[in-house]
Amino acid sequence: MLRAIVCLAMSVSAGIAQIPAGSYIVSSFENGNATPGGLFLVDPRNPGPAVAIQGLDPELVGIGISASNGANAVGIDPETEIIYVGEVGPPGTQIDLHEITLNGTMAVPILKTPIGTVSAFAQFGGGISQIHVLPNGDAILVLADLDVSPPLNGAPLAYYSLLTGTVTPINATLNGSTFGQSVTADADNELIYVAMYQGSMQVFEVPFSGGPGTFVGSMGGAPGMAMNSDGLIVSAGSSSIQFMDPATGIVTTGPIVGSNINGLSIEAATDSPVCVLNNLSGPPGVYRVDPSGTVHLLASNYTGVGSGIAVKTNPRTYGAFTPGNETYRWVATPNAGGLPQQGNLSFGIQLNASNGDATGALLFGVGPNSANVLGFQLLVNAALSFPMPTNGSVSLPIPAVTTPIGMRVYFQTLHADPGAPQGIAASDGLVFEIMP
């Protein structure tokens, strides 16, 4: 099957990634001792030097002062390949959210949105602490010690719209702190989890619409947060990974990584936490922690103070499924077949059918779509169709050298279902990019 897909994709204008598939991007700021800051590409499986992204706005590299300033937080929208970067700075600094994309390793600026000004009373400076990118490309921002002035009026949580390029406050009642440290959301994107510093790092649950925050529990440093496939909040203390159960607030400690973890995210396809050290009191390092507990050092040559990390999720789901009497949804977090790497002969994708019978048609396309057809949402520019296995498991072994790196392919399934609007139920979409 994959051979037919590759041949077709190579014969048309198949999408090729600008950000290397599955890559991590690390952000760092300068502070007078560690300089310059910036952004760095890290290969997720092949340890080696991180690659500095060139042509960044000076506000992201650092402006040559002793106070912390530069790129503090980073997020990736894998569909548009937009990279969000949030600044940090001393009191009085205008904080901006940057949108960039890449041309090779050169930054291409798209938009810069003012977020607010760091408060004159900010003891450690302030700015955008973490960026949680949503499936539609919008983002949740958590902020530290900004002034009470437009557009956010001091709110520590904000919603950024990719469509309009505007930021609005998420008005939430928390613990009175203005120092937001990290943020993530649940799998259904209905609840926000935010860590606020108030003597200790306190985690709150907040509806997307805002309102009263519910105290969940306290963690260690919480330099970043992500949600794993078990519904646990993944974060870190000074040197080890931590897991918090949002239902109970109970925290368990995982593997030790290194001194002063300062940024954290998750590789959703494998459920692996990834983190970056701040390299102020120990050696620098970008690490991946397998679910088994094995710790992998991937890169250690970034400059500045490592502060944020983002993953270009691969594979991933997108769009809305069309249910009937049954529902059909791709399972990509984690993906049982692992990563779509060259040479991964065990790679595959998995569909979950609510009744256990996935019989239907598997559509393949070389681009996304969004059209209402016969009562269902068509999510691929369909070019080929294959029978869908009853168990929902699609084997797609990837040859070592013949599949083009960066090739992006899209899938959706259709199923006869009398409960669907016109008798056809459809899955959500799934897309992956070939990795080296």
Protein backbone atom coordinates (compact mmCIF):
# COMPACT_ATOMS: atom_id res chain seq x y z
CA MET A 1 0.00 0.00 0.00
CA LEU A 2 2.71 2.50 0.96
CA ARG A 3 4.51 1.92 -2.35
CA ALA A 4 1.39 3.03 -4.27
CA ILE A 5 1.00 6.03 -1.96
CA VAL A 6 4.62 7.11 -2.44
CA CYS A 7 4.46 6.76 -6.23
CA LEU A 8 1.34 8.89 -6.37
CA ALA A 9 2.67 11.48 -3.95
CA MET A 10 5.87 11.86 -5.97
CA SER A 11 3.89 12.34 -9.18
CA VAL A 12 1.92 15.29 -7.80
CA SER A 13 2.74 18.30 -5.67
CA ALA A 14 2.86 16.46 -2.36
CA GLY A 15 3.46 18.64 0.67
CA ILE A 16 7.05 18.74 1.90
CA ALA A 17 7.68 20.02 5.41
CA GLN A 18 9.51 23.28 6.12
CA ILE A 19 10.16 22.35 9.75
CA PRO A 20 11.85 18.93 9.71
CA ALA A 21 9.28 16.26 10.55
CA GLY A 22 9.07 15.38 14.22
CA SER A 23 11.71 17.96 15.17
CA TYR A 24 12.02 19.72 18.49
CA ILE A 25 12.60 23.46 18.67
CA VAL A 26 14.37 24.89 21.73
CA SER A 27 14.12 28.53 22.79
CA SER A 28 16.73 30.32 24.88
CA PHE A 29 17.30 33.82 26.24
CA GLU A 30 20.42 35.75 27.17
CA ASN A 31 21.21 37.00 30.68
CA GLY A 32 24.69 38.51 30.46
CA ASN A 33 26.44 35.28 31.44
CA ALA A 34 24.95 33.05 28.75
CA THR A 35 24.57 34.68 25.35
CA PRO A 36 23.20 34.88 22.69
CA GLY A 37 19.73 33.42 22.94
CA GLY A 38 17.62 32.26 20.03
CA LEU A 39 15.93 29.18 18.57
CA PHE A 40 17.51 25.80 17.82
CA LEU A 41 16.39 22.76 15.82
CA VAL A 42 17.00 19.38 17.48
CA ASP A 43 16.73 16.00 15.77
CA PRO A 44 14.42 13.78 17.86
CA ARG A 45 16.26 10.48 17.20
CA ASN A 46 19.77 11.18 15.97
CA PRO A 47 21.92 12.84 18.68
CA GLY A 48 24.11 15.63 17.39
CA PRO A 49 24.54 19.39 17.36
CA ALA A 50 21.44 21.56 17.62
CA VAL A 51 21.09 23.82 14.58
CA ALA A 52 20.70 27.54 15.26
CA ILE A 53 17.87 29.25 13.38
CA GLN A 54 19.24 32.33 11.64
CA GLY A 55 17.72 35.73 10.88
CA LEU A 56 15.73 36.09 14.11
CA ASP A 57 14.40 39.40 15.36
CA PRO A 58 17.00 40.86 17.78
CA GLU A 59 14.32 40.80 20.48
CA LEU A 60 14.53 36.98 20.37
CA VAL A 61 18.31 36.72 20.35
CA GLY A 62 18.86 39.29 23.10
CA ILE A 63 19.80 42.94 23.03
CA GLY A 64 23.07 42.71 24.97
CA ILE A 65 21.99 43.55 28.52
CA SER A 66 22.65 41.64 31.74
CA ALA A 67 18.96 41.11 32.57
CA SER A 68 17.20 38.06 31.14
CA ASN A 69 15.80 38.89 27.69
CA GLY A 70 15.07 37.08 24.45
CA ALA A 71 13.16 33.98 23.40
CA ASN A 72 11.51 32.41 26.45
CA ALA A 73 8.69 30.18 25.12
CA VAL A 74 8.05 28.36 21.86
CA GLY A 75 5.17 26.48 20.24
CA ILE A 76 4.57 24.87 16.83
CA ASP A 77 1.42 24.61 14.71
CA PRO A 78 2.30 21.52 12.63
CA GLU A 79 -0.31 22.16 9.92
CA THR A 80 0.66 25.74 8.99
CA GLU A 81 4.30 25.25 10.11
CA ILE A 82 4.03 28.49 12.08
CA ILE A 83 6.38 28.79 15.04
CA TYR A 84 5.16 30.91 17.95
CA VAL A 85 7.85 32.53 20.09
CA GLY A 86 7.25 34.45 23.32
CA GLU A 87 9.65 36.94 24.84
CA VAL A 88 10.99 37.55 28.35
CA GLY A 89 12.45 40.82 29.58
CA PRO A 90 13.15 43.10 32.55
CA PRO A 91 10.63 45.62 33.97
CA GLY A 92 9.38 48.04 31.34
CA THR A 93 9.96 45.67 28.40
CA GLN A 94 7.29 45.50 25.71
CA ILE A 95 6.53 41.78 25.37
CA ASP A 96 5.56 40.45 21.94
CA LEU A 97 4.36 37.15 20.52
CA HIS A 98 6.24 36.39 17.30
CA GLU A 99 4.98 34.26 14.44
CA ILE A 100 7.67 32.96 12.12
CA THR A 101 8.16 30.13 9.67
CA LEU A 102 11.33 28.66 8.21
CA ASN A 103 13.09 28.66 4.88
CA GLY A 104 15.74 26.05 5.55
CA THR A 105 17.30 27.31 8.77
CA MET A 106 16.41 30.95 8.08
CA ALA A 107 13.56 32.56 10.00
CA VAL A 108 10.83 34.19 7.94
CA PRO A 109 8.85 36.65 10.07
CA ILE A 110 5.07 36.66 9.68
CA LEU A 111 3.58 38.75 12.48
CA LYS A 112 4.51 40.32 15.82
CA THR A 113 1.68 40.90 18.30
CA PRO A 114 2.10 43.12 21.40
CA ILE A 115 1.05 41.27 24.55
CA GLY A 116 1.82 43.79 27.28
CA THR A 117 4.58 45.43 29.33
CA VAL A 118 6.56 43.83 32.14
CA SER A 119 5.50 45.30 35.49
CA ALA A 120 7.83 47.69 37.29
CA PHE A 121 7.44 45.42 40.31
CA ALA A 122 8.49 42.20 38.55
CA GLN A 123 11.29 40.79 40.69
CA PHE A 124 12.56 38.33 38.10
CA GLY A 125 11.39 40.05 34.93
CA GLY A 126 8.36 38.81 33.04
CA GLY A 127 6.92 37.74 29.74
CA ILE A 128 5.35 34.73 28.03
CA SER A 129 6.20 31.64 30.07
CA GLN A 130 4.70 28.86 27.92
CA ILE A 131 2.64 28.52 24.73
CA HIS A 132 0.12 25.71 24.31
CA VAL A 133 -0.86 25.39 20.63
CA LEU A 134 -4.38 24.09 19.95
CA PRO A 135 -5.38 21.81 17.03
CA ASN A 136 -6.84 24.75 15.09
CA GLY A 137 -3.59 26.72 15.32
CA ASP A 138 -4.78 29.08 18.05
CA ALA A 139 -2.78 29.19 21.28
CA ILE A 140 -3.15 29.50 25.03
CA LEU A 141 -0.49 31.74 26.63
CA VAL A 142 0.54 31.84 30.27
CA LEU A 143 2.16 35.07 31.36
CA ALA A 144 4.40 36.27 34.17
CA ASP A 145 4.20 39.68 35.84
CA LEU A 146 2.82 41.90 33.11
CA ASP A 147 1.48 45.36 33.88
CA VAL A 148 -2.23 46.04 34.28
CA SER A 149 -2.66 47.56 30.84
CA PRO A 150 -4.23 46.61 27.48
CA PRO A 151 -4.66 44.24 25.84
CA LEU A 152 -4.66 41.78 28.77
CA ASN A 153 -4.92 44.13 31.78
CA GLY A 154 -2.65 41.93 33.87
CA ALA A 155 -4.44 38.61 33.23
CA PRO A 156 -1.96 35.70 33.50
CA LEU A 157 -3.85 33.61 30.91
CA ALA A 158 -4.63 34.62 27.34
CA TYR A 159 -6.09 33.24 24.11
CA TYR A 160 -4.39 34.00 20.79
CA SER A 161 -6.35 33.71 17.53
CA LEU A 162 -4.30 32.66 14.52
CA LEU A 163 -7.05 33.87 12.18
CA THR A 164 -7.26 37.42 13.52
CA GLY A 165 -3.81 37.83 15.07
CA THR A 166 -5.37 39.14 18.27
CA VAL A 167 -4.92 38.22 21.92
CA THR A 168 -7.67 38.34 24.55
CA PRO A 169 -7.56 37.65 28.29
CA ILE A 170 -8.94 34.45 29.78
CA ASN A 171 -10.41 35.85 32.96
CA ALA A 172 -9.85 33.24 35.64
CA THR A 173 -9.93 33.43 39.41
CA LEU A 174 -6.70 31.82 40.59
CA ASN A 175 -4.58 32.41 43.71
CA GLY A 176 -3.93 36.12 43.32
CA SER A 177 -0.51 35.50 41.81
CA THR A 178 0.53 37.33 38.66
CA PHE A 179 3.38 34.91 37.90
CA GLY A 180 2.19 32.22 35.52
CA GLN A 181 4.74 29.47 34.94
CA SER A 182 3.28 26.81 32.64
CA VAL A 183 0.09 25.74 30.87
CA THR A 184 -1.49 22.77 29.10
CA ALA A 185 -4.98 21.48 28.27
CA ASP A 186 -6.90 18.22 28.42
CA ALA A 187 -7.33 15.96 25.39
CA ASP A 188 -10.76 17.39 24.57
CA ASN A 189 -9.54 21.00 24.84
CA GLU A 190 -12.22 21.85 27.38
CA LEU A 191 -10.07 22.41 30.47
CA ILE A 192 -6.89 24.43 30.93
CA TYR A 193 -4.29 23.52 33.54
CA VAL A 194 -2.07 26.38 34.67
CA ALA A 195 0.77 26.54 37.21
CA MET A 196 0.99 29.80 39.17
CA TYR A 197 3.79 30.71 41.57
CA GLN A 198 2.66 31.78 45.04
CA GLY A 199 5.34 30.60 47.47
CA SER A 200 5.04 27.22 45.74
CA MET A 201 3.96 26.16 42.26
CA GLN A 202 0.19 25.72 42.45
CA VAL A 203 -1.75 24.04 39.64
CA PHE A 204 -5.31 25.12 38.81
CA GLU A 205 -7.98 23.76 36.47
CA VAL A 206 -9.80 26.44 34.47
CA PRO A 207 -12.58 26.15 31.85
CA PHE A 208 -11.62 27.45 28.40
CA SER A 209 -14.22 30.17 28.86
CA GLY A 210 -12.57 31.33 32.08
CA GLY A 211 -14.15 31.63 35.49
CA PRO A 212 -13.21 30.27 38.90
CA GLY A 213 -10.09 28.11 38.91
CA THR A 214 -10.16 24.84 40.85
CA PHE A 215 -7.02 24.12 42.85
CA VAL A 216 -5.56 20.76 41.79
CA GLY A 217 -2.34 20.53 43.82
CA SER A 218 1.24 21.73 44.15
CA MET A 219 4.24 20.61 42.10
CA GLY A 220 7.97 21.23 41.97
CA GLY A 221 9.28 23.89 39.63
CA ALA A 222 6.78 23.12 36.83
CA PRO A 223 9.00 24.73 34.14
CA GLY A 224 6.59 23.43 31.52
CA MET A 225 3.52 21.21 31.41
CA ALA A 226 2.00 18.76 28.93
CA MET A 227 -0.74 16.12 29.02
CA ASN A 228 0.11 12.49 28.30
CA SER A 229 -2.18 9.79 26.88
CA ASP A 230 -3.09 8.60 30.39
CA GLY A 231 -4.54 12.02 31.19
CA LEU A 232 -1.70 12.88 33.58
CA ILE A 233 -0.09 16.30 33.72
CA VAL A 234 3.60 15.85 32.88
CA SER A 235 6.00 18.40 34.34
CA ALA A 236 9.31 18.49 36.17
CA GLY A 237 11.03 19.42 39.37
CA SER A 238 14.59 20.70 39.38
CA SER A 239 16.07 17.52 37.94
CA SER A 240 13.37 14.88 37.41
CA ILE A 241 10.16 14.33 35.47
CA GLN A 242 6.93 14.53 37.49
CA PHE A 243 3.41 13.28 36.84
CA MET A 244 0.30 14.80 38.43
CA ASP A 245 -3.13 13.19 38.45
CA PRO A 246 -5.52 16.12 37.82
CA ALA A 247 -8.35 14.22 39.55
CA THR A 248 -6.49 13.86 42.84
CA GLY A 249 -3.53 16.27 42.73
CA ILE A 250 -1.20 13.38 43.61
CA VAL A 251 2.32 13.81 42.18
CA THR A 252 4.68 10.94 41.42
CA THR A 253 8.33 11.37 40.51
CA GLY A 254 9.77 9.86 37.37
CA PRO A 255 13.28 9.56 35.91
CA ILE A 256 16.09 11.95 36.82
CA VAL A 257 17.22 13.91 33.77
CA GLY A 258 19.71 16.60 34.79
CA SER A 259 20.24 19.77 36.76
CA ASN A 260 17.72 22.60 36.36
CA ILE A 261 15.09 21.51 33.85
CA ASN A 262 13.75 24.77 32.46
CA GLY A 263 11.40 23.77 29.64
CA LEU A 264 9.22 20.73 28.98
CA SER A 265 6.85 19.33 26.37
CA ILE A 266 5.84 15.87 25.15
CA GLU A 267 6.38 13.83 22.00
CA ALA A 268 2.76 12.74 21.75
CA ALA A 269 3.30 9.93 19.24
CA THR A 270 5.46 8.01 21.73
CA ASP A 271 4.24 9.56 25.02
CA SER A 272 7.83 10.67 25.70
CA PRO A 273 8.51 13.80 27.78
CA VAL A 274 11.15 16.08 26.26
CA CYS A 275 12.98 18.80 28.16
CA VAL A 276 15.76 21.37 28.05
CA LEU A 277 18.12 22.38 30.88
CA ASN A 278 18.80 26.01 31.72
CA ASN A 279 22.60 25.36 31.78
CA LEU A 280 23.27 27.96 34.50
CA SER A 281 24.48 25.60 37.24
CA GLY A 282 25.19 22.54 35.13
CA PRO A 283 25.86 21.45 31.55
CA PRO A 284 23.31 22.21 28.85
CA GLY A 285 21.19 19.43 27.42
CA VAL A 286 18.09 18.55 25.42
CA TYR A 287 16.63 15.22 26.51
CA ARG A 288 13.95 12.73 25.55
CA VAL A 289 12.61 10.37 28.23
CA ASP A 290 11.06 7.16 26.89
CA PRO A 291 7.99 5.72 28.68
CA SER A 292 10.31 2.92 29.84
CA GLY A 293 12.32 5.53 31.76
CA THR A 294 15.35 5.53 29.46
CA VAL A 295 16.85 9.02 29.17
CA HIS A 296 18.40 10.12 25.86
CA LEU A 297 20.70 13.15 25.49
CA LEU A 298 20.03 14.61 22.03
CA ALA A 299 21.96 17.91 21.93
CA SER A 300 23.99 20.12 24.22
CA ASN A 301 25.43 22.94 22.13
CA TYR A 302 22.68 25.59 22.26
CA THR A 303 23.68 29.03 23.51
CA GLY A 304 21.92 31.32 25.97
CA VAL A 305 19.75 29.97 28.79
CA GLY A 306 17.57 27.07 27.62
CA SER A 307 14.00 27.97 28.49
CA GLY A 308 11.38 26.35 26.25
CA ILE A 309 10.87 23.36 23.97
CA ALA A 310 8.20 22.42 21.43
CA VAL A 311 7.58 19.29 19.36
CA LYS A 312 6.32 19.13 15.80
CA THR A 313 3.76 16.38 16.43
CA ASN A 314 4.03 13.51 13.96
CA PRO A 315 1.69 11.71 13.24
CA ARG A 316 -1.30 13.74 14.36
CA THR A 317 -5.05 13.94 13.91
CA TYR A 318 -6.99 16.90 12.55
CA GLY A 319 -10.55 17.91 11.69
CA ALA A 320 -13.86 16.62 13.00
CA PHE A 321 -15.21 13.09 12.65
CA THR A 322 -18.77 12.52 11.40
CA PRO A 323 -20.53 9.99 13.65
CA GLY A 324 -23.45 7.73 12.93
CA ASN A 325 -24.62 5.01 15.25
CA GLU A 326 -20.92 4.38 15.71
CA THR A 327 -17.87 6.65 15.88
CA TYR A 328 -14.53 6.20 14.12
CA ARG A 329 -11.43 8.03 15.35
CA TRP A 330 -7.71 7.71 14.70
CA VAL A 331 -5.46 6.87 17.64
CA ALA A 332 -2.23 8.84 17.30
CA THR A 333 -1.32 9.69 20.89
CA PRO A 334 0.47 7.44 21.30
CA ASN A 335 0.81 5.77 17.93
CA ALA A 336 1.32 2.03 18.30
CA GLY A 337 3.50 1.99 15.17
CA GLY A 338 5.88 4.58 16.55
CA LEU A 339 7.28 7.35 14.38
CA PRO A 340 7.08 7.44 10.56
CA GLN A 341 10.83 7.11 10.11
CA GLN A 342 12.68 5.79 7.12
CA GLY A 343 13.44 2.18 7.91
CA ASN A 344 10.59 1.70 10.41
CA LEU A 345 9.16 -1.50 8.98
CA SER A 346 6.77 -1.73 11.94
CA PHE A 347 5.12 1.62 11.26
CA GLY A 348 1.36 1.69 10.99
CA ILE A 349 -1.71 3.66 11.97
CA GLN A 350 -4.70 2.63 14.05
CA LEU A 351 -8.39 3.50 13.86
CA ASN A 352 -10.70 3.01 16.83
CA ALA A 353 -14.25 1.98 15.97
CA SER A 354 -16.73 2.28 18.84
CA ASN A 355 -18.24 -1.13 18.00
CA GLY A 356 -14.90 -2.77 17.23
CA ASP A 357 -15.62 -3.12 13.49
CA ALA A 358 -13.66 -0.66 11.32
CA THR A 359 -14.79 -2.13 7.96
CA GLY A 360 -14.99 0.62 5.38
CA ALA A 361 -12.88 2.59 2.91
CA LEU A 362 -9.47 4.13 3.64
CA LEU A 363 -8.90 7.34 1.69
CA PHE A 364 -5.42 8.67 0.99
CA GLY A 365 -4.59 12.18 -0.16
CA VAL A 366 -1.57 14.43 -0.57
CA GLY A 367 -3.32 17.43 0.96
CA PRO A 368 -6.06 18.32 3.43
CA ASN A 369 -9.63 19.22 2.56
CA SER A 370 -12.67 20.60 4.36
CA ALA A 371 -15.81 20.00 2.35
CA ASN A 372 -19.27 18.72 3.22
CA VAL A 373 -19.97 15.75 0.96
CA LEU A 374 -23.05 13.54 1.33
CA GLY A 375 -23.50 14.69 4.91
CA PHE A 376 -19.95 14.02 6.11
CA GLN A 377 -16.88 16.23 6.35
CA LEU A 378 -14.33 15.23 3.69
CA LEU A 379 -10.90 15.97 5.18
CA VAL A 380 -8.51 14.77 2.45
CA ASN A 381 -7.99 15.56 -1.20
CA ALA A 382 -8.67 11.91 -1.87
CA ALA A 383 -6.55 10.34 -4.59
CA LEU A 384 -6.55 6.63 -3.72
CA SER A 385 -8.88 4.33 -1.81
CA PHE A 386 -8.15 1.00 -0.11
CA PRO A 387 -10.33 -1.42 1.87
CA MET A 388 -10.15 -0.65 5.58
CA PRO A 389 -9.20 -3.67 7.73
CA THR A 390 -11.89 -4.77 10.16
CA ASN A 391 -9.56 -4.39 13.16
CA GLY A 392 -8.65 -0.81 12.18
CA SER A 393 -4.94 -1.57 11.99
CA VAL A 394 -3.19 -0.33 8.84
CA SER A 395 0.37 -1.55 8.33
CA LEU A 396 2.56 0.94 6.45
CA PRO A 397 6.18 -0.29 6.62
CA ILE A 398 8.53 2.50 5.56
CA PRO A 399 11.57 1.52 3.46
CA ALA A 400 14.97 2.75 4.60
CA VAL A 401 15.83 4.95 1.63
CA THR A 402 13.10 5.10 -1.02
CA THR A 403 10.52 7.22 0.80
CA PRO A 404 11.11 11.00 0.47
CA ILE A 405 11.97 12.70 3.75
CA GLY A 406 9.39 15.35 4.62
CA MET A 407 6.66 13.92 2.39
CA ARG A 408 3.30 14.64 4.03
CA VAL A 409 0.35 12.27 3.52
CA TYR A 410 -3.25 12.40 4.75
CA PHE A 411 -5.78 9.69 5.62
CA GLN A 412 -9.51 9.43 6.41
CA THR A 413 -11.94 6.52 6.59
CA LEU A 414 -15.57 6.19 5.44
CA HIS A 415 -18.10 3.67 6.79
CA ALA A 416 -21.63 2.63 5.89
CA ASP A 417 -23.70 3.60 8.92
CA PRO A 418 -27.51 4.04 8.87
CA GLY A 419 -27.25 6.48 11.78
CA ALA A 420 -25.11 8.96 9.84
CA PRO A 421 -26.77 11.96 8.12
CA GLN A 422 -26.82 10.27 4.68
CA GLY A 423 -25.74 6.81 5.68
CA ILE A 424 -21.97 7.49 5.64
CA ALA A 425 -19.96 7.99 8.83
CA ALA A 426 -16.43 9.35 8.59
CA SER A 427 -13.36 9.43 10.78
CA ASP A 428 -11.32 12.47 11.65
CA GLY A 429 -8.19 13.04 9.55
CA LEU A 430 -4.70 11.72 10.19
CA VAL A 431 -1.50 13.08 8.71
CA PHE A 432 2.14 12.12 9.02
CA GLU A 433 5.47 13.21 7.53
CA ILE A 434 8.34 10.92 6.66
CA MET A 435 11.31 11.36 9.02
CA PRO A 436 14.96 10.42 8.52
